């Protein structure tokens, strides 16, 4: 009997994505322990890592980190394929789409803070959309938009400021080129 093995090469980018995703997952799991005043209003701490990755390594790696965070955190928290998972996934996908467009805005006026606020608006828009189409099939859900918009401005600004601080005060780890 012959054994055949398949080896997948691990690149430096893979290691980098795994490290950043682990940090984002840890922040998301820690955030789940924070009591929240309103259901669905969360600070989105894991998004800080996504913003740092976007600024340092580009959209593709940021997308990997964000999606790995959503899937892994939902598994760790026991919410995989529950409604909260789909709300989180839809928010992440829309915010990634927003970030894909926002990264092309002039860097002179748009940076981590504005990207964070835009992504937060995308995130809650995706969640409201899924909630309206699937969970709460009533237009009354739209009465929550001002609350979510205020949370997006506040948490988006704070997360963007933290990401900006990290980008300015912690140089990226030196890794050999891929």
C-alpha atoms as a PDB file:
ATOM      1  CA  UNK A   1       0.000   0.000   0.000  1.00  0.00           C
ATOM      2  CA  UNK A   2       1.426   3.348  -1.023  1.00  0.00           C
ATOM      3  CA  UNK A   3       0.765   6.461   0.887  1.00  0.00           C
ATOM      4  CA  UNK A   4       0.342   9.715  -0.841  1.00  0.00           C
ATOM      5  CA  UNK A   5       0.662  13.012   0.909  1.00  0.00           C
ATOM      6  CA  UNK A   6      -0.350  16.405  -0.255  1.00  0.00           C
ATOM      7  CA  UNK A   7       1.521  19.337   1.093  1.00  0.00           C
ATOM      8  CA  UNK A   8       0.147  22.818   0.933  1.00  0.00           C
ATOM      9  CA  UNK A   9       2.835  25.458   1.077  1.00  0.00           C
ATOM     10  CA  UNK A  10       2.292  28.018   3.808  1.00  0.00           C
ATOM     11  CA  UNK A  11       3.249  31.487   2.695  1.00  0.00           C
ATOM     12  CA  UNK A  12       4.209  34.430   4.876  1.00  0.00           C
ATOM     13  CA  UNK A  13       0.885  36.011   3.931  1.00  0.00           C
ATOM     14  CA  UNK A  14      -0.922  32.931   5.295  1.00  0.00           C
ATOM     15  CA  UNK A  15       0.901  33.249   8.608  1.00  0.00           C
ATOM     16  CA  UNK A  16       0.206  36.977   8.734  1.00  0.00           C
ATOM     17  CA  UNK A  17      -3.500  36.475   8.021  1.00  0.00           C
ATOM     18  CA  UNK A  18      -3.700  33.762  10.679  1.00  0.00           C
ATOM     19  CA  UNK A  19      -2.092  36.018  13.295  1.00  0.00           C
ATOM     20  CA  UNK A  20      -4.338  38.957  12.538  1.00  0.00           C
ATOM     21  CA  UNK A  21      -7.422  36.722  12.358  1.00  0.00           C
ATOM     22  CA  UNK A  22      -6.555  35.224  15.761  1.00  0.00           C
ATOM     23  CA  UNK A  23      -6.367  38.727  17.252  1.00  0.00           C
ATOM     24  CA  UNK A  24      -9.692  39.702  15.644  1.00  0.00           C
ATOM     25  CA  UNK A  25     -11.336  36.488  16.874  1.00  0.00           C
ATOM     26  CA  UNK A  26     -10.055  37.092  20.416  1.00  0.00           C
ATOM     27  CA  UNK A  27     -11.468  40.633  20.380  1.00  0.00           C
ATOM     28  CA  UNK A  28     -14.821  39.402  19.059  1.00  0.00           C
ATOM     29  CA  UNK A  29     -15.071  36.700  21.712  1.00  0.00           C
ATOM     30  CA  UNK A  30     -14.104  39.180  24.446  1.00  0.00           C
ATOM     31  CA  UNK A  31     -16.714  41.598  23.116  1.00  0.00           C
ATOM     32  CA  UNK A  32     -19.400  38.932  23.511  1.00  0.00           C
ATOM     33  CA  UNK A  33     -18.839  39.113  27.275  1.00  0.00           C
ATOM     34  CA  UNK A  34     -19.590  42.853  27.396  1.00  0.00           C
ATOM     35  CA  UNK A  35     -23.176  43.591  28.472  1.00  0.00           C
ATOM     36  CA  UNK A  36     -24.890  45.727  25.860  1.00  0.00           C
ATOM     37  CA  UNK A  37     -27.682  48.256  26.417  1.00  0.00           C
ATOM     38  CA  UNK A  38     -29.486  47.318  23.193  1.00  0.00           C
ATOM     39  CA  UNK A  39     -29.512  44.043  21.256  1.00  0.00           C
ATOM     40  CA  UNK A  40     -27.403  44.261  18.112  1.00  0.00           C
ATOM     41  CA  UNK A  41     -25.478  47.373  19.172  1.00  0.00           C
ATOM     42  CA  UNK A  42     -21.885  46.234  19.626  1.00  0.00           C
ATOM     43  CA  UNK A  43     -18.611  48.111  19.395  1.00  0.00           C
ATOM     44  CA  UNK A  44     -17.151  45.794  16.724  1.00  0.00           C
ATOM     45  CA  UNK A  45     -13.710  45.545  18.289  1.00  0.00           C
ATOM     46  CA  UNK A  46     -12.574  42.886  15.803  1.00  0.00           C
ATOM     47  CA  UNK A  47     -12.978  45.464  13.051  1.00  0.00           C
ATOM     48  CA  UNK A  48     -10.001  47.369  14.450  1.00  0.00           C
ATOM     49  CA  UNK A  49      -7.800  44.532  13.247  1.00  0.00           C
ATOM     50  CA  UNK A  50      -9.480  44.531   9.832  1.00  0.00           C
ATOM     51  CA  UNK A  51      -8.724  48.249   9.478  1.00  0.00           C
ATOM     52  CA  UNK A  52      -5.069  47.744  10.398  1.00  0.00           C
ATOM     53  CA  UNK A  53      -4.743  44.895   7.896  1.00  0.00           C
ATOM     54  CA  UNK A  54      -6.464  46.963   5.200  1.00  0.00           C
ATOM     55  CA  UNK A  55      -4.021  49.836   5.700  1.00  0.00           C
ATOM     56  CA  UNK A  56      -0.909  47.658   5.905  1.00  0.00           C
ATOM     57  CA  UNK A  57      -1.550  44.723   3.608  1.00  0.00           C
ATOM     58  CA  UNK A  58      -4.533  45.574   1.389  1.00  0.00           C
ATOM     59  CA  UNK A  59      -8.138  44.622   0.891  1.00  0.00           C
ATOM     60  CA  UNK A  60      -7.614  40.945   0.037  1.00  0.00           C
ATOM     61  CA  UNK A  61      -5.913  40.162   3.354  1.00  0.00           C
ATOM     62  CA  UNK A  62      -8.404  42.331   5.236  1.00  0.00           C
ATOM     63  CA  UNK A  63     -11.264  40.357   3.678  1.00  0.00           C
ATOM     64  CA  UNK A  64      -9.681  37.072   4.764  1.00  0.00           C
ATOM     65  CA  UNK A  65      -9.234  38.344   8.316  1.00  0.00           C
ATOM     66  CA  UNK A  66     -12.810  39.650   8.532  1.00  0.00           C
ATOM     67  CA  UNK A  67     -14.395  36.482   7.160  1.00  0.00           C
ATOM     68  CA  UNK A  68     -12.244  34.163   9.253  1.00  0.00           C
ATOM     69  CA  UNK A  69     -13.226  36.241  12.306  1.00  0.00           C
ATOM     70  CA  UNK A  70     -16.951  35.907  11.554  1.00  0.00           C
ATOM     71  CA  UNK A  71     -16.796  32.146  11.003  1.00  0.00           C
ATOM     72  CA  UNK A  72     -14.418  31.282  13.843  1.00  0.00           C
ATOM     73  CA  UNK A  73     -16.020  33.578  16.434  1.00  0.00           C
ATOM     74  CA  UNK A  74     -19.443  32.136  15.620  1.00  0.00           C
ATOM     75  CA  UNK A  75     -18.062  28.624  16.110  1.00  0.00           C
ATOM     76  CA  UNK A  76     -16.371  29.534  19.404  1.00  0.00           C
ATOM     77  CA  UNK A  77     -19.501  31.287  20.678  1.00  0.00           C
ATOM     78  CA  UNK A  78     -21.826  28.478  19.562  1.00  0.00           C
ATOM     79  CA  UNK A  79     -23.711  30.663  17.089  1.00  0.00           C
ATOM     80  CA  UNK A  80     -22.658  29.115  13.792  1.00  0.00           C
ATOM     81  CA  UNK A  81     -25.640  29.068  11.381  1.00  0.00           C
ATOM     82  CA  UNK A  82     -27.846  30.782  13.985  1.00  0.00           C
ATOM     83  CA  UNK A  83     -29.523  34.081  13.032  1.00  0.00           C
ATOM     84  CA  UNK A  84     -26.729  36.071  14.721  1.00  0.00           C
ATOM     85  CA  UNK A  85     -24.189  34.401  12.433  1.00  0.00           C
ATOM     86  CA  UNK A  86     -26.064  35.467   9.323  1.00  0.00           C
ATOM     87  CA  UNK A  87     -26.484  39.000  10.663  1.00  0.00           C
ATOM     88  CA  UNK A  88     -22.747  39.177  11.351  1.00  0.00           C
ATOM     89  CA  UNK A  89     -21.847  37.668   7.985  1.00  0.00           C
ATOM     90  CA  UNK A  90     -24.114  40.024   6.043  1.00  0.00           C
ATOM     91  CA  UNK A  91     -22.703  42.999   7.939  1.00  0.00           C
ATOM     92  CA  UNK A  92     -19.142  41.855   7.270  1.00  0.00           C
ATOM     93  CA  UNK A  93     -19.784  41.339   3.556  1.00  0.00           C
ATOM     94  CA  UNK A  94     -21.379  44.746   3.066  1.00  0.00           C
ATOM     95  CA  UNK A  95     -18.682  46.497   5.122  1.00  0.00           C
ATOM     96  CA  UNK A  96     -15.989  44.727   3.081  1.00  0.00           C
ATOM     97  CA  UNK A  97     -17.679  45.995  -0.074  1.00  0.00           C
ATOM     98  CA  UNK A  98     -17.702  49.509   1.367  1.00  0.00           C
ATOM     99  CA  UNK A  99     -14.014  49.202   2.303  1.00  0.00           C
ATOM    100  CA  UNK A 100     -13.191  47.951  -1.203  1.00  0.00           C
ATOM    101  CA  UNK A 101     -14.570  51.216  -2.556  1.00  0.00           C
ATOM    102  CA  UNK A 102     -13.314  53.429   0.292  1.00  0.00           C
ATOM    103  CA  UNK A 103      -9.688  52.385  -0.112  1.00  0.00           C
ATOM    104  CA  UNK A 104      -9.684  54.214  -3.449  1.00  0.00           C
ATOM    105  CA  UNK A 105     -10.754  57.523  -1.909  1.00  0.00           C
ATOM    106  CA  UNK A 106      -8.055  60.214  -1.585  1.00  0.00           C
ATOM    107  CA  UNK A 107      -5.783  59.267   1.328  1.00  0.00           C
ATOM    108  CA  UNK A 108      -5.348  62.942   2.123  1.00  0.00           C
ATOM    109  CA  UNK A 109      -8.927  63.112   3.446  1.00  0.00           C
ATOM    110  CA  UNK A 110      -9.830  59.478   4.076  1.00  0.00           C
ATOM    111  CA  UNK A 111      -7.989  57.236   6.516  1.00  0.00           C
ATOM    112  CA  UNK A 112      -8.697  54.644   9.199  1.00  0.00           C
ATOM    113  CA  UNK A 113     -11.304  56.768  11.014  1.00  0.00           C
ATOM    114  CA  UNK A 114     -13.402  57.561   7.950  1.00  0.00           C
ATOM    115  CA  UNK A 115     -12.984  54.007   6.663  1.00  0.00           C
ATOM    116  CA  UNK A 116     -14.143  52.708  10.034  1.00  0.00           C
ATOM    117  CA  UNK A 117     -17.249  54.900  10.103  1.00  0.00           C
ATOM    118  CA  UNK A 118     -18.122  53.986   6.506  1.00  0.00           C
ATOM    119  CA  UNK A 119     -17.617  50.281   7.264  1.00  0.00           C
ATOM    120  CA  UNK A 120     -19.761  50.570  10.412  1.00  0.00           C
ATOM    121  CA  UNK A 121     -22.581  52.058   8.323  1.00  0.00           C
ATOM    122  CA  UNK A 122     -22.159  49.222   5.818  1.00  0.00           C
ATOM    123  CA  UNK A 123     -22.204  46.680   8.627  1.00  0.00           C
ATOM    124  CA  UNK A 124     -25.431  47.856  10.192  1.00  0.00           C
ATOM    125  CA  UNK A 125     -27.020  48.271   6.737  1.00  0.00           C
ATOM    126  CA  UNK A 126     -26.316  44.619   5.953  1.00  0.00           C
ATOM    127  CA  UNK A 127     -27.731  43.578   9.303  1.00  0.00           C
ATOM    128  CA  UNK A 128     -30.893  45.675   8.899  1.00  0.00           C
ATOM    129  CA  UNK A 129     -31.375  44.256   5.411  1.00  0.00           C
ATOM    130  CA  UNK A 130     -31.148  40.629   6.581  1.00  0.00           C
ATOM    131  CA  UNK A 131     -33.281  41.361   9.648  1.00  0.00           C
ATOM    132  CA  UNK A 132     -35.990  42.959   7.478  1.00  0.00           C
ATOM    133  CA  UNK A 133     -35.953  40.265   4.799  1.00  0.00           C
ATOM    134  CA  UNK A 134     -35.759  37.268   7.129  1.00  0.00           C
ATOM    135  CA  UNK A 135     -36.193  37.847  10.850  1.00  0.00           C
ATOM    136  CA  UNK A 136     -38.562  40.808  11.213  1.00  0.00           C
ATOM    137  CA  UNK A 137     -40.677  41.067   8.057  1.00  0.00           C
ATOM    138  CA  UNK A 138     -42.098  44.424   9.046  1.00  0.00           C
ATOM    139  CA  UNK A 139     -41.064  47.974   8.181  1.00  0.00           C
ATOM    140  CA  UNK A 140     -41.010  48.839  11.882  1.00  0.00           C
ATOM    141  CA  UNK A 141     -37.412  47.563  11.936  1.00  0.00           C
ATOM    142  CA  UNK A 142     -36.408  50.774  10.178  1.00  0.00           C
ATOM    143  CA  UNK A 143     -37.229  52.751  13.339  1.00  0.00           C
ATOM    144  CA  UNK A 144     -33.940  51.356  14.667  1.00  0.00           C
ATOM    145  CA  UNK A 145     -31.890  52.999  11.903  1.00  0.00           C
ATOM    146  CA  UNK A 146     -31.184  56.215  13.887  1.00  0.00           C
ATOM    147  CA  UNK A 147     -29.972  54.176  16.881  1.00  0.00           C
ATOM    148  CA  UNK A 148     -27.711  52.045  14.693  1.00  0.00           C
ATOM    149  CA  UNK A 149     -26.496  55.127  12.791  1.00  0.00           C
ATOM    150  CA  UNK A 150     -25.515  56.836  16.049  1.00  0.00           C
ATOM    151  CA  UNK A 151     -23.739  53.661  17.199  1.00  0.00           C
ATOM    152  CA  UNK A 152     -21.962  53.458  13.811  1.00  0.00           C
ATOM    153  CA  UNK A 153     -20.672  57.018  14.181  1.00  0.00           C
ATOM    154  CA  UNK A 154     -19.563  56.558  17.799  1.00  0.00           C
ATOM    155  CA  UNK A 155     -18.050  53.075  17.572  1.00  0.00           C
ATOM    156  CA  UNK A 156     -16.741  53.648  14.045  1.00  0.00           C
ATOM    157  CA  UNK A 157     -14.916  56.757  15.216  1.00  0.00           C
ATOM    158  CA  UNK A 158     -13.476  55.086  18.323  1.00  0.00           C
ATOM    159  CA  UNK A 159     -12.388  51.962  16.426  1.00  0.00           C
ATOM    160  CA  UNK A 160     -10.877  54.087  13.660  1.00  0.00           C
ATOM    161  CA  UNK A 161      -8.915  56.145  16.206  1.00  0.00           C
ATOM    162  CA  UNK A 162      -7.596  52.958  17.832  1.00  0.00           C
ATOM    163  CA  UNK A 163      -6.643  51.531  14.422  1.00  0.00           C
ATOM    164  CA  UNK A 164      -4.929  54.800  13.497  1.00  0.00           C
ATOM    165  CA  UNK A 165      -3.005  54.756  16.782  1.00  0.00           C
ATOM    166  CA  UNK A 166      -1.899  51.164  16.183  1.00  0.00           C
ATOM    167  CA  UNK A 167      -0.814  51.979  12.640  1.00  0.00           C
ATOM    168  CA  UNK A 168       1.260  54.943  13.823  1.00  0.00           C
ATOM    169  CA  UNK A 169       2.811  53.345  16.915  1.00  0.00           C
ATOM    170  CA  UNK A 170       3.372  49.700  16.087  1.00  0.00           C
ATOM    171  CA  UNK A 171       5.394  48.930  12.995  1.00  0.00           C
ATOM    172  CA  UNK A 172       4.430  45.801  11.056  1.00  0.00           C
ATOM    173  CA  UNK A 173       6.345  42.668  11.880  1.00  0.00           C
ATOM    174  CA  UNK A 174       9.207  42.083   9.530  1.00  0.00           C
ATOM    175  CA  UNK A 175       8.545  39.076   7.352  1.00  0.00           C
ATOM    176  CA  UNK A 176      10.508  37.889   4.369  1.00  0.00           C
ATOM    177  CA  UNK A 177       8.754  38.554   1.081  1.00  0.00           C
ATOM    178  CA  UNK A 178       6.366  35.864  -0.102  1.00  0.00           C
END
